[in-house]
Amino acid sequence: DEPTSQDAGQVEVSRLDLRVGCVITALQYYHGLYLQVDVGEAAPRTVVNQLGQHISVAQIQNHKVVMLCNLKQEVMKDVVSNGIILCATSPDKVEILEPPPEASPGDRVTFQTITGEPDAELNPAEKIWEQIQPDLQTDAQCVATYKGAALEVVGKGVCKAQTLSNSEIK
């Protein structure tokens, strides 16, 4: 077997199924947002999140987003939520990560220099997202990165925050 560039025991970021989505419906829902997101599948995915405290319906309606698609479904306030929208965050601001302008719903978002296929569904017991998330951040140019490798849609460009540089991605 060839040695891999990954350290032994390290969770491989390629296990995340990140895709470009387009928010086709956005509604206030309690303190959060209720979204219908087109990720290139037969039907849109429903996503319920707490972004309503930071982002208005107008800021996300009809916008392209980067969505983590292979987390186990969660029931939040009686609605099944099927994915999370990645955002750059600072103590006082949250910005939706933006895929490259030419990207289309369903396009895979990968990491430059890192190869591998995503899991069909991440096992919640393995806490893969929780292990990877601390190493996701924007760089000085607001480009989304994992340990320095940019999040990209191959042939179309990188994913970025609008203004938040050197910030956490959640």
N, C-alpha and C. Protein backbone atom coordinates (compact mmCIF):
# COMPACT_ATOMS: atom_id res chain seq x y z
N ASP A 1 0.83 -1.20 0.00
CA ASP A 1 0.00 0.00 0.00
C ASP A 1 0.87 1.26 0.00
N GLU A 2 0.41 2.25 -0.72
CA GLU A 2 1.10 3.54 -0.74
C GLU A 2 0.79 4.26 0.57
N PRO A 3 1.77 4.93 1.16
CA PRO A 3 1.45 5.76 2.33
C PRO A 3 0.61 6.95 1.87
N THR A 4 -0.30 7.37 2.69
CA THR A 4 -1.13 8.53 2.32
C THR A 4 -0.55 9.77 2.97
N SER A 5 -0.99 10.92 2.47
CA SER A 5 -0.51 12.18 3.03
C SER A 5 -1.20 12.49 4.36
N GLN A 6 -2.25 11.73 4.68
CA GLN A 6 -2.97 11.97 5.93
C GLN A 6 -2.20 11.32 7.08
N ASP A 7 -2.20 11.99 8.22
CA ASP A 7 -1.58 11.40 9.41
C ASP A 7 -2.43 10.24 9.89
N ALA A 8 -1.80 9.24 10.48
CA ALA A 8 -2.53 8.08 10.99
C ALA A 8 -3.56 8.54 12.03
N GLY A 9 -4.76 8.03 11.92
CA GLY A 9 -5.79 8.37 12.88
C GLY A 9 -6.47 9.70 12.63
N GLN A 10 -5.96 10.46 11.67
CA GLN A 10 -6.58 11.75 11.38
C GLN A 10 -7.83 11.54 10.52
N VAL A 11 -8.87 12.28 10.80
CA VAL A 11 -10.11 12.19 10.02
C VAL A 11 -9.87 12.85 8.67
N GLU A 12 -10.27 12.18 7.62
CA GLU A 12 -10.06 12.72 6.28
C GLU A 12 -11.20 13.66 5.89
N VAL A 13 -10.84 14.88 5.57
CA VAL A 13 -11.82 15.91 5.22
C VAL A 13 -12.60 15.54 3.96
N SER A 14 -12.01 14.69 3.12
CA SER A 14 -12.71 14.27 1.90
C SER A 14 -13.97 13.47 2.20
N ARG A 15 -14.14 13.04 3.46
CA ARG A 15 -15.36 12.30 3.83
C ARG A 15 -16.60 13.20 3.86
N LEU A 16 -16.38 14.52 3.90
CA LEU A 16 -17.51 15.45 3.88
C LEU A 16 -18.08 15.54 2.47
N ASP A 17 -19.41 15.47 2.36
CA ASP A 17 -20.09 15.66 1.07
C ASP A 17 -20.54 17.12 1.02
N LEU A 18 -19.67 17.97 0.47
CA LEU A 18 -19.98 19.40 0.34
C LEU A 18 -20.43 19.66 -1.09
N ARG A 19 -21.56 20.37 -1.20
CA ARG A 19 -22.10 20.67 -2.53
C ARG A 19 -22.60 22.11 -2.59
N VAL A 20 -22.62 22.63 -3.81
CA VAL A 20 -23.22 23.93 -4.04
C VAL A 20 -24.73 23.77 -3.96
N GLY A 21 -25.37 24.67 -3.24
CA GLY A 21 -26.83 24.69 -3.17
C GLY A 21 -27.33 26.07 -3.53
N CYS A 22 -28.60 26.13 -3.91
CA CYS A 22 -29.24 27.42 -4.13
C CYS A 22 -30.50 27.45 -3.28
N VAL A 23 -30.62 28.47 -2.43
CA VAL A 23 -31.77 28.58 -1.54
C VAL A 23 -32.98 29.05 -2.36
N ILE A 24 -33.97 28.16 -2.49
CA ILE A 24 -35.15 28.51 -3.29
C ILE A 24 -36.30 29.00 -2.43
N THR A 25 -36.29 28.67 -1.14
CA THR A 25 -37.29 29.19 -0.20
C THR A 25 -36.58 29.50 1.11
N ALA A 26 -36.84 30.68 1.65
CA ALA A 26 -36.27 31.06 2.96
C ALA A 26 -37.38 31.71 3.77
N LEU A 27 -37.62 31.19 4.96
CA LEU A 27 -38.65 31.72 5.85
C LEU A 27 -38.10 31.84 7.26
N GLN A 28 -38.54 32.87 8.00
CA GLN A 28 -38.20 32.95 9.43
C GLN A 28 -38.89 31.77 10.11
N TYR A 29 -38.21 31.15 11.05
CA TYR A 29 -38.76 29.99 11.73
C TYR A 29 -38.26 30.04 13.16
N TYR A 30 -39.13 30.43 14.09
CA TYR A 30 -38.74 30.67 15.47
C TYR A 30 -37.57 31.66 15.46
N HIS A 31 -36.42 31.29 16.05
CA HIS A 31 -35.26 32.20 16.04
C HIS A 31 -34.31 31.88 14.90
N GLY A 32 -34.74 31.02 14.00
CA GLY A 32 -33.85 30.59 12.93
C GLY A 32 -34.47 30.78 11.57
N LEU A 33 -34.00 29.97 10.63
CA LEU A 33 -34.49 30.00 9.26
C LEU A 33 -34.94 28.61 8.85
N TYR A 34 -36.00 28.57 8.05
CA TYR A 34 -36.48 27.35 7.41
C TYR A 34 -36.16 27.54 5.94
N LEU A 35 -35.35 26.65 5.38
CA LEU A 35 -34.88 26.80 4.00
C LEU A 35 -35.21 25.57 3.17
N GLN A 36 -35.49 25.80 1.90
CA GLN A 36 -35.53 24.73 0.90
C GLN A 36 -34.34 25.01 -0.01
N VAL A 37 -33.43 24.02 -0.12
CA VAL A 37 -32.18 24.23 -0.84
C VAL A 37 -32.06 23.21 -1.98
N ASP A 38 -31.85 23.72 -3.19
CA ASP A 38 -31.61 22.88 -4.36
C ASP A 38 -30.13 22.51 -4.38
N VAL A 39 -29.82 21.22 -4.19
CA VAL A 39 -28.44 20.75 -4.28
C VAL A 39 -28.28 19.78 -5.44
N GLY A 40 -29.12 19.96 -6.46
CA GLY A 40 -29.01 19.17 -7.67
C GLY A 40 -29.65 17.79 -7.59
N GLU A 41 -30.48 17.57 -6.58
CA GLU A 41 -31.18 16.28 -6.43
C GLU A 41 -32.60 16.41 -6.97
N ALA A 42 -33.34 15.30 -6.96
CA ALA A 42 -34.71 15.30 -7.50
C ALA A 42 -35.61 16.30 -6.78
N ALA A 43 -35.42 16.45 -5.48
CA ALA A 43 -36.23 17.38 -4.70
C ALA A 43 -35.30 18.23 -3.84
N PRO A 44 -35.74 19.46 -3.50
CA PRO A 44 -34.89 20.29 -2.63
C PRO A 44 -34.81 19.70 -1.23
N ARG A 45 -33.73 20.02 -0.52
CA ARG A 45 -33.55 19.59 0.86
C ARG A 45 -34.08 20.67 1.80
N THR A 46 -34.68 20.23 2.89
CA THR A 46 -35.12 21.15 3.93
C THR A 46 -33.98 21.31 4.94
N VAL A 47 -33.70 22.56 5.29
CA VAL A 47 -32.67 22.86 6.28
C VAL A 47 -33.27 23.84 7.28
N VAL A 48 -33.16 23.49 8.56
CA VAL A 48 -33.58 24.39 9.63
C VAL A 48 -32.32 24.72 10.42
N ASN A 49 -32.10 26.01 10.67
CA ASN A 49 -30.89 26.39 11.39
C ASN A 49 -31.13 27.64 12.23
N GLN A 50 -30.11 28.05 12.94
CA GLN A 50 -30.20 29.22 13.82
C GLN A 50 -29.70 30.50 13.15
N LEU A 51 -29.53 30.49 11.85
CA LEU A 51 -28.98 31.66 11.16
C LEU A 51 -29.88 32.88 11.20
N GLY A 52 -31.16 32.71 11.50
CA GLY A 52 -32.09 33.83 11.52
C GLY A 52 -31.70 34.94 12.48
N GLN A 53 -30.86 34.62 13.46
CA GLN A 53 -30.39 35.64 14.40
C GLN A 53 -29.32 36.53 13.76
N HIS A 54 -28.73 36.06 12.65
CA HIS A 54 -27.59 36.76 12.04
C HIS A 54 -27.82 37.17 10.59
N ILE A 55 -28.68 36.43 9.89
CA ILE A 55 -28.86 36.62 8.46
C ILE A 55 -30.34 36.74 8.16
N SER A 56 -30.71 37.74 7.38
CA SER A 56 -32.12 37.95 7.05
C SER A 56 -32.54 37.02 5.91
N VAL A 57 -33.86 36.83 5.80
CA VAL A 57 -34.40 36.04 4.70
C VAL A 57 -33.94 36.62 3.37
N ALA A 58 -33.95 37.95 3.24
CA ALA A 58 -33.54 38.60 1.99
C ALA A 58 -32.07 38.32 1.65
N GLN A 59 -31.22 38.17 2.67
CA GLN A 59 -29.79 37.92 2.43
C GLN A 59 -29.52 36.52 1.90
N ILE A 60 -30.43 35.59 2.14
CA ILE A 60 -30.16 34.19 1.76
C ILE A 60 -31.09 33.70 0.64
N GLN A 61 -32.27 34.27 0.50
CA GLN A 61 -33.22 33.85 -0.55
C GLN A 61 -32.54 33.97 -1.92
N ASN A 62 -32.63 32.90 -2.72
CA ASN A 62 -32.07 32.85 -4.08
C ASN A 62 -30.55 32.97 -4.13
N HIS A 63 -29.87 32.76 -3.01
CA HIS A 63 -28.41 32.82 -2.99
C HIS A 63 -27.82 31.42 -3.05
N LYS A 64 -26.64 31.34 -3.66
CA LYS A 64 -25.90 30.08 -3.66
C LYS A 64 -25.16 29.95 -2.33
N VAL A 65 -25.07 28.71 -1.87
CA VAL A 65 -24.45 28.42 -0.58
C VAL A 65 -23.57 27.18 -0.73
N VAL A 66 -22.74 26.94 0.29
CA VAL A 66 -21.98 25.68 0.39
C VAL A 66 -22.67 24.88 1.48
N MET A 67 -23.11 23.67 1.12
CA MET A 67 -23.90 22.87 2.06
C MET A 67 -23.23 21.53 2.32
N LEU A 68 -23.19 21.16 3.61
CA LEU A 68 -22.73 19.83 4.03
C LEU A 68 -23.95 18.92 3.94
N CYS A 69 -23.87 17.92 3.04
CA CYS A 69 -25.06 17.12 2.71
C CYS A 69 -25.11 15.73 3.34
N ASN A 70 -24.04 15.27 3.97
CA ASN A 70 -24.08 13.88 4.44
C ASN A 70 -24.07 13.72 5.96
N LEU A 71 -24.55 14.74 6.67
CA LEU A 71 -24.80 14.55 8.10
C LEU A 71 -26.09 13.76 8.26
N LYS A 72 -26.23 13.08 9.36
CA LYS A 72 -27.49 12.38 9.66
C LYS A 72 -28.59 13.43 9.83
N GLN A 73 -29.78 13.13 9.31
CA GLN A 73 -30.91 14.05 9.45
C GLN A 73 -31.18 14.31 10.92
N GLU A 74 -31.59 15.55 11.22
CA GLU A 74 -31.94 15.93 12.59
C GLU A 74 -33.34 16.49 12.59
N VAL A 75 -34.09 16.23 13.65
CA VAL A 75 -35.40 16.84 13.79
C VAL A 75 -35.25 18.08 14.67
N MET A 76 -35.62 19.22 14.12
CA MET A 76 -35.52 20.48 14.85
C MET A 76 -36.89 21.15 14.83
N LYS A 77 -37.49 21.30 15.97
CA LYS A 77 -38.82 21.90 16.10
C LYS A 77 -39.82 21.24 15.13
N ASP A 78 -39.87 19.92 15.16
CA ASP A 78 -40.81 19.11 14.37
C ASP A 78 -40.54 19.11 12.87
N VAL A 79 -39.41 19.63 12.43
CA VAL A 79 -39.07 19.61 11.01
C VAL A 79 -37.77 18.81 10.86
N VAL A 80 -37.74 17.94 9.84
CA VAL A 80 -36.52 17.19 9.58
C VAL A 80 -35.56 18.07 8.79
N SER A 81 -34.39 18.32 9.37
CA SER A 81 -33.37 19.14 8.72
C SER A 81 -32.33 18.22 8.10
N ASN A 82 -32.00 18.49 6.84
CA ASN A 82 -31.17 17.57 6.08
C ASN A 82 -29.95 18.26 5.48
N GLY A 83 -29.10 18.81 6.35
CA GLY A 83 -27.86 19.44 5.90
C GLY A 83 -27.59 20.71 6.68
N ILE A 84 -26.37 21.24 6.53
CA ILE A 84 -26.05 22.52 7.14
C ILE A 84 -25.37 23.43 6.12
N ILE A 85 -25.63 24.71 6.27
CA ILE A 85 -25.07 25.74 5.41
C ILE A 85 -23.78 26.22 6.09
N LEU A 86 -22.66 26.22 5.35
CA LEU A 86 -21.40 26.66 5.95
C LEU A 86 -21.30 28.19 5.94
N CYS A 87 -20.85 28.75 7.06
CA CYS A 87 -20.72 30.19 7.22
C CYS A 87 -19.39 30.52 7.88
N ALA A 88 -18.86 31.69 7.52
CA ALA A 88 -17.71 32.24 8.24
C ALA A 88 -18.27 33.00 9.42
N THR A 89 -17.61 32.89 10.58
CA THR A 89 -18.14 33.53 11.78
C THR A 89 -17.05 34.29 12.52
N SER A 90 -17.47 35.39 13.12
CA SER A 90 -16.62 36.13 14.06
C SER A 90 -17.49 36.38 15.27
N PRO A 91 -16.94 36.91 16.36
CA PRO A 91 -17.78 37.12 17.55
C PRO A 91 -19.01 38.00 17.28
N ASP A 92 -18.95 38.88 16.28
CA ASP A 92 -20.08 39.80 16.07
C ASP A 92 -20.70 39.71 14.68
N LYS A 93 -20.30 38.73 13.86
CA LYS A 93 -20.82 38.68 12.50
C LYS A 93 -20.83 37.26 11.97
N VAL A 94 -21.79 36.97 11.08
CA VAL A 94 -21.86 35.68 10.39
C VAL A 94 -22.08 35.97 8.91
N GLU A 95 -21.31 35.32 8.04
CA GLU A 95 -21.47 35.47 6.60
C GLU A 95 -21.57 34.09 5.96
N ILE A 96 -22.50 33.94 5.02
CA ILE A 96 -22.65 32.70 4.28
C ILE A 96 -21.44 32.54 3.37
N LEU A 97 -20.86 31.35 3.34
CA LEU A 97 -19.79 31.09 2.37
C LEU A 97 -20.40 31.08 0.98
N GLU A 98 -19.74 31.75 0.05
CA GLU A 98 -20.24 31.84 -1.31
C GLU A 98 -19.42 30.97 -2.24
N PRO A 99 -20.10 30.09 -2.99
CA PRO A 99 -19.38 29.32 -4.00
C PRO A 99 -18.98 30.26 -5.15
N PRO A 100 -18.12 29.79 -6.06
CA PRO A 100 -17.78 30.65 -7.20
C PRO A 100 -19.02 30.97 -8.02
N PRO A 101 -19.05 32.15 -8.65
CA PRO A 101 -20.26 32.58 -9.38
C PRO A 101 -20.74 31.60 -10.46
N GLU A 102 -19.82 30.89 -11.11
CA GLU A 102 -20.20 29.96 -12.19
C GLU A 102 -20.69 28.62 -11.68
N ALA A 103 -20.58 28.38 -10.38
CA ALA A 103 -20.98 27.08 -9.82
C ALA A 103 -22.49 26.90 -9.92
N SER A 104 -22.90 25.65 -10.08
CA SER A 104 -24.32 25.30 -10.20
C SER A 104 -24.74 24.40 -9.04
N PRO A 105 -26.04 24.42 -8.68
CA PRO A 105 -26.51 23.53 -7.62
C PRO A 105 -26.13 22.07 -7.92
N GLY A 106 -25.57 21.42 -6.91
CA GLY A 106 -25.16 20.03 -7.05
C GLY A 106 -23.67 19.87 -7.33
N ASP A 107 -22.99 20.94 -7.77
CA ASP A 107 -21.55 20.85 -8.00
C ASP A 107 -20.85 20.45 -6.70
N ARG A 108 -19.89 19.52 -6.80
CA ARG A 108 -19.10 19.11 -5.63
C ARG A 108 -18.15 20.23 -5.22
N VAL A 109 -18.04 20.44 -3.93
CA VAL A 109 -17.04 21.36 -3.38
C VAL A 109 -15.97 20.47 -2.75
N THR A 110 -14.74 20.63 -3.22
CA THR A 110 -13.64 19.79 -2.74
C THR A 110 -12.55 20.70 -2.18
N PHE A 111 -11.47 20.07 -1.73
CA PHE A 111 -10.35 20.80 -1.14
C PHE A 111 -9.15 20.64 -2.06
N GLN A 112 -8.54 21.76 -2.44
CA GLN A 112 -7.36 21.68 -3.30
C GLN A 112 -6.33 20.76 -2.66
N THR A 113 -5.72 19.92 -3.45
CA THR A 113 -4.65 18.99 -3.06
C THR A 113 -5.13 17.80 -2.23
N ILE A 114 -6.41 17.72 -1.89
CA ILE A 114 -6.90 16.60 -1.07
C ILE A 114 -7.89 15.79 -1.90
N THR A 115 -7.64 14.48 -2.03
CA THR A 115 -8.53 13.65 -2.82
C THR A 115 -9.26 12.67 -1.92
N GLY A 116 -10.29 12.04 -2.45
CA GLY A 116 -11.06 11.06 -1.70
C GLY A 116 -12.54 11.27 -1.95
N GLU A 117 -13.31 10.24 -1.67
CA GLU A 117 -14.76 10.28 -1.89
C GLU A 117 -15.48 10.46 -0.55
N PRO A 118 -16.61 11.20 -0.57
CA PRO A 118 -17.36 11.39 0.67
C PRO A 118 -18.09 10.12 1.11
N ASP A 119 -18.34 10.02 2.40
CA ASP A 119 -19.18 8.95 2.94
C ASP A 119 -20.62 9.18 2.47
N ALA A 120 -21.41 8.12 2.35
CA ALA A 120 -22.83 8.27 2.03
C ALA A 120 -23.51 9.04 3.15
N GLU A 121 -23.20 8.66 4.39
CA GLU A 121 -23.69 9.40 5.56
C GLU A 121 -22.63 9.30 6.64
N LEU A 122 -22.34 10.43 7.26
CA LEU A 122 -21.36 10.43 8.34
C LEU A 122 -21.97 9.78 9.58
N ASN A 123 -21.22 8.91 10.21
CA ASN A 123 -21.68 8.25 11.42
C ASN A 123 -21.59 9.24 12.58
N PRO A 124 -22.73 9.61 13.19
CA PRO A 124 -22.69 10.60 14.28
C PRO A 124 -21.76 10.20 15.42
N ALA A 125 -21.62 8.89 15.67
CA ALA A 125 -20.78 8.43 16.77
C ALA A 125 -19.31 8.75 16.52
N GLU A 126 -18.91 8.86 15.26
CA GLU A 126 -17.51 9.14 14.94
C GLU A 126 -17.17 10.63 15.06
N LYS A 127 -18.20 11.49 15.14
CA LYS A 127 -17.98 12.94 15.31
C LYS A 127 -17.00 13.50 14.27
N ILE A 128 -17.17 13.11 13.01
CA ILE A 128 -16.26 13.52 11.94
C ILE A 128 -16.34 15.03 11.71
N TRP A 129 -17.55 15.56 11.56
CA TRP A 129 -17.71 17.01 11.36
C TRP A 129 -17.09 17.77 12.53
N GLU A 130 -17.34 17.30 13.75
CA GLU A 130 -16.83 17.99 14.94
C GLU A 130 -15.30 17.98 14.99
N GLN A 131 -14.67 16.94 14.41
CA GLN A 131 -13.21 16.88 14.39
C GLN A 131 -12.61 17.75 13.29
N ILE A 132 -13.32 17.87 12.18
CA ILE A 132 -12.82 18.63 11.04
C ILE A 132 -13.07 20.13 11.21
N GLN A 133 -14.21 20.49 11.76
CA GLN A 133 -14.65 21.88 11.81
C GLN A 133 -13.63 22.85 12.41
N PRO A 134 -12.90 22.51 13.48
CA PRO A 134 -11.94 23.48 14.03
C PRO A 134 -10.82 23.88 13.05
N ASP A 135 -10.56 23.05 12.03
CA ASP A 135 -9.51 23.36 11.05
C ASP A 135 -10.04 24.06 9.81
N LEU A 136 -11.34 24.37 9.79
CA LEU A 136 -11.93 25.12 8.69
C LEU A 136 -11.90 26.59 9.05
N GLN A 137 -11.31 27.41 8.17
CA GLN A 137 -11.30 28.85 8.42
C GLN A 137 -11.07 29.61 7.13
N THR A 138 -11.37 30.90 7.17
CA THR A 138 -11.07 31.75 6.02
C THR A 138 -9.64 32.26 6.18
N ASP A 139 -8.98 32.49 5.04
CA ASP A 139 -7.61 33.01 5.08
C ASP A 139 -7.65 34.54 5.00
N ALA A 140 -6.50 35.15 4.83
CA ALA A 140 -6.42 36.62 4.79
C ALA A 140 -7.20 37.22 3.62
N GLN A 141 -7.44 36.43 2.56
CA GLN A 141 -8.22 36.91 1.40
C GLN A 141 -9.68 36.45 1.46
N CYS A 142 -10.13 35.99 2.63
CA CYS A 142 -11.51 35.53 2.84
C CYS A 142 -11.83 34.21 2.14
N VAL A 143 -10.82 33.50 1.62
CA VAL A 143 -11.03 32.21 0.97
C VAL A 143 -11.22 31.14 2.05
N ALA A 144 -12.23 30.30 1.88
CA ALA A 144 -12.49 29.21 2.81
C ALA A 144 -11.42 28.15 2.64
N THR A 145 -10.83 27.69 3.76
CA THR A 145 -9.76 26.69 3.70
C THR A 145 -9.91 25.63 4.78
N TYR A 146 -9.27 24.49 4.54
CA TYR A 146 -9.10 23.45 5.55
C TYR A 146 -7.60 23.21 5.64
N LYS A 147 -6.99 23.59 6.76
CA LYS A 147 -5.54 23.47 6.96
C LYS A 147 -4.78 24.05 5.77
N GLY A 148 -5.27 25.17 5.25
CA GLY A 148 -4.59 25.85 4.16
C GLY A 148 -5.03 25.46 2.76
N ALA A 149 -5.76 24.35 2.61
CA ALA A 149 -6.25 23.91 1.29
C ALA A 149 -7.59 24.59 1.01
N ALA A 150 -7.66 25.34 -0.08
CA ALA A 150 -8.88 26.09 -0.40
C ALA A 150 -10.04 25.17 -0.76
N LEU A 151 -11.26 25.56 -0.35
CA LEU A 151 -12.47 24.89 -0.80
C LEU A 151 -12.74 25.39 -2.20
N GLU A 152 -12.91 24.46 -3.15
CA GLU A 152 -13.08 24.89 -4.54
C GLU A 152 -14.13 24.04 -5.24
N VAL A 153 -14.67 24.61 -6.31
CA VAL A 153 -15.44 23.86 -7.29
C VAL A 153 -14.49 23.76 -8.47
N VAL A 154 -14.02 22.55 -8.77
CA VAL A 154 -12.97 22.36 -9.76
C VAL A 154 -13.35 23.03 -11.08
N GLY A 155 -12.42 23.84 -11.57
CA GLY A 155 -12.61 24.52 -12.85
C GLY A 155 -13.45 25.78 -12.78
N LYS A 156 -14.03 26.06 -11.58
CA LYS A 156 -14.92 27.21 -11.47
C LYS A 156 -14.47 28.24 -10.43
N GLY A 157 -13.59 27.83 -9.51
CA GLY A 157 -13.06 28.78 -8.54
C GLY A 157 -13.21 28.33 -7.11
N VAL A 158 -12.85 29.24 -6.19
CA VAL A 158 -12.85 28.94 -4.76
C VAL A 158 -14.07 29.52 -4.07
N CYS A 159 -14.36 29.00 -2.87
CA CYS A 159 -15.46 29.48 -2.05
C CYS A 159 -14.91 30.54 -1.08
N LYS A 160 -15.69 31.61 -0.89
CA LYS A 160 -15.20 32.74 -0.09
C LYS A 160 -16.29 33.30 0.81
N ALA A 161 -15.85 33.99 1.86
CA ALA A 161 -16.74 34.83 2.65
C ALA A 161 -16.69 36.23 2.03
N GLN A 162 -17.70 37.06 2.31
CA GLN A 162 -17.71 38.40 1.73
C GLN A 162 -16.60 39.27 2.32
N THR A 163 -16.53 39.35 3.65
CA THR A 163 -15.57 40.25 4.28
C THR A 163 -14.79 39.63 5.43
N LEU A 164 -15.23 38.46 5.94
CA LEU A 164 -14.59 37.88 7.12
C LEU A 164 -13.33 37.11 6.74
N SER A 165 -12.17 37.69 7.07
CA SER A 165 -10.89 37.00 6.85
C SER A 165 -10.41 36.41 8.17
N ASN A 166 -9.58 35.38 8.08
CA ASN A 166 -9.01 34.73 9.27
C ASN A 166 -10.08 34.43 10.32
N SER A 167 -11.20 33.85 9.86
CA SER A 167 -12.34 33.58 10.74
C SER A 167 -12.68 32.09 10.71
N GLU A 168 -13.37 31.67 11.77
CA GLU A 168 -13.84 30.29 11.85
C GLU A 168 -14.93 30.04 10.82
N ILE A 169 -15.02 28.79 10.36
CA ILE A 169 -16.13 28.36 9.51
C ILE A 169 -16.92 27.33 10.30
N LYS A 170 -18.22 27.54 10.38
CA LYS A 170 -19.10 26.62 11.11
C LYS A 170 -20.26 26.23 10.23
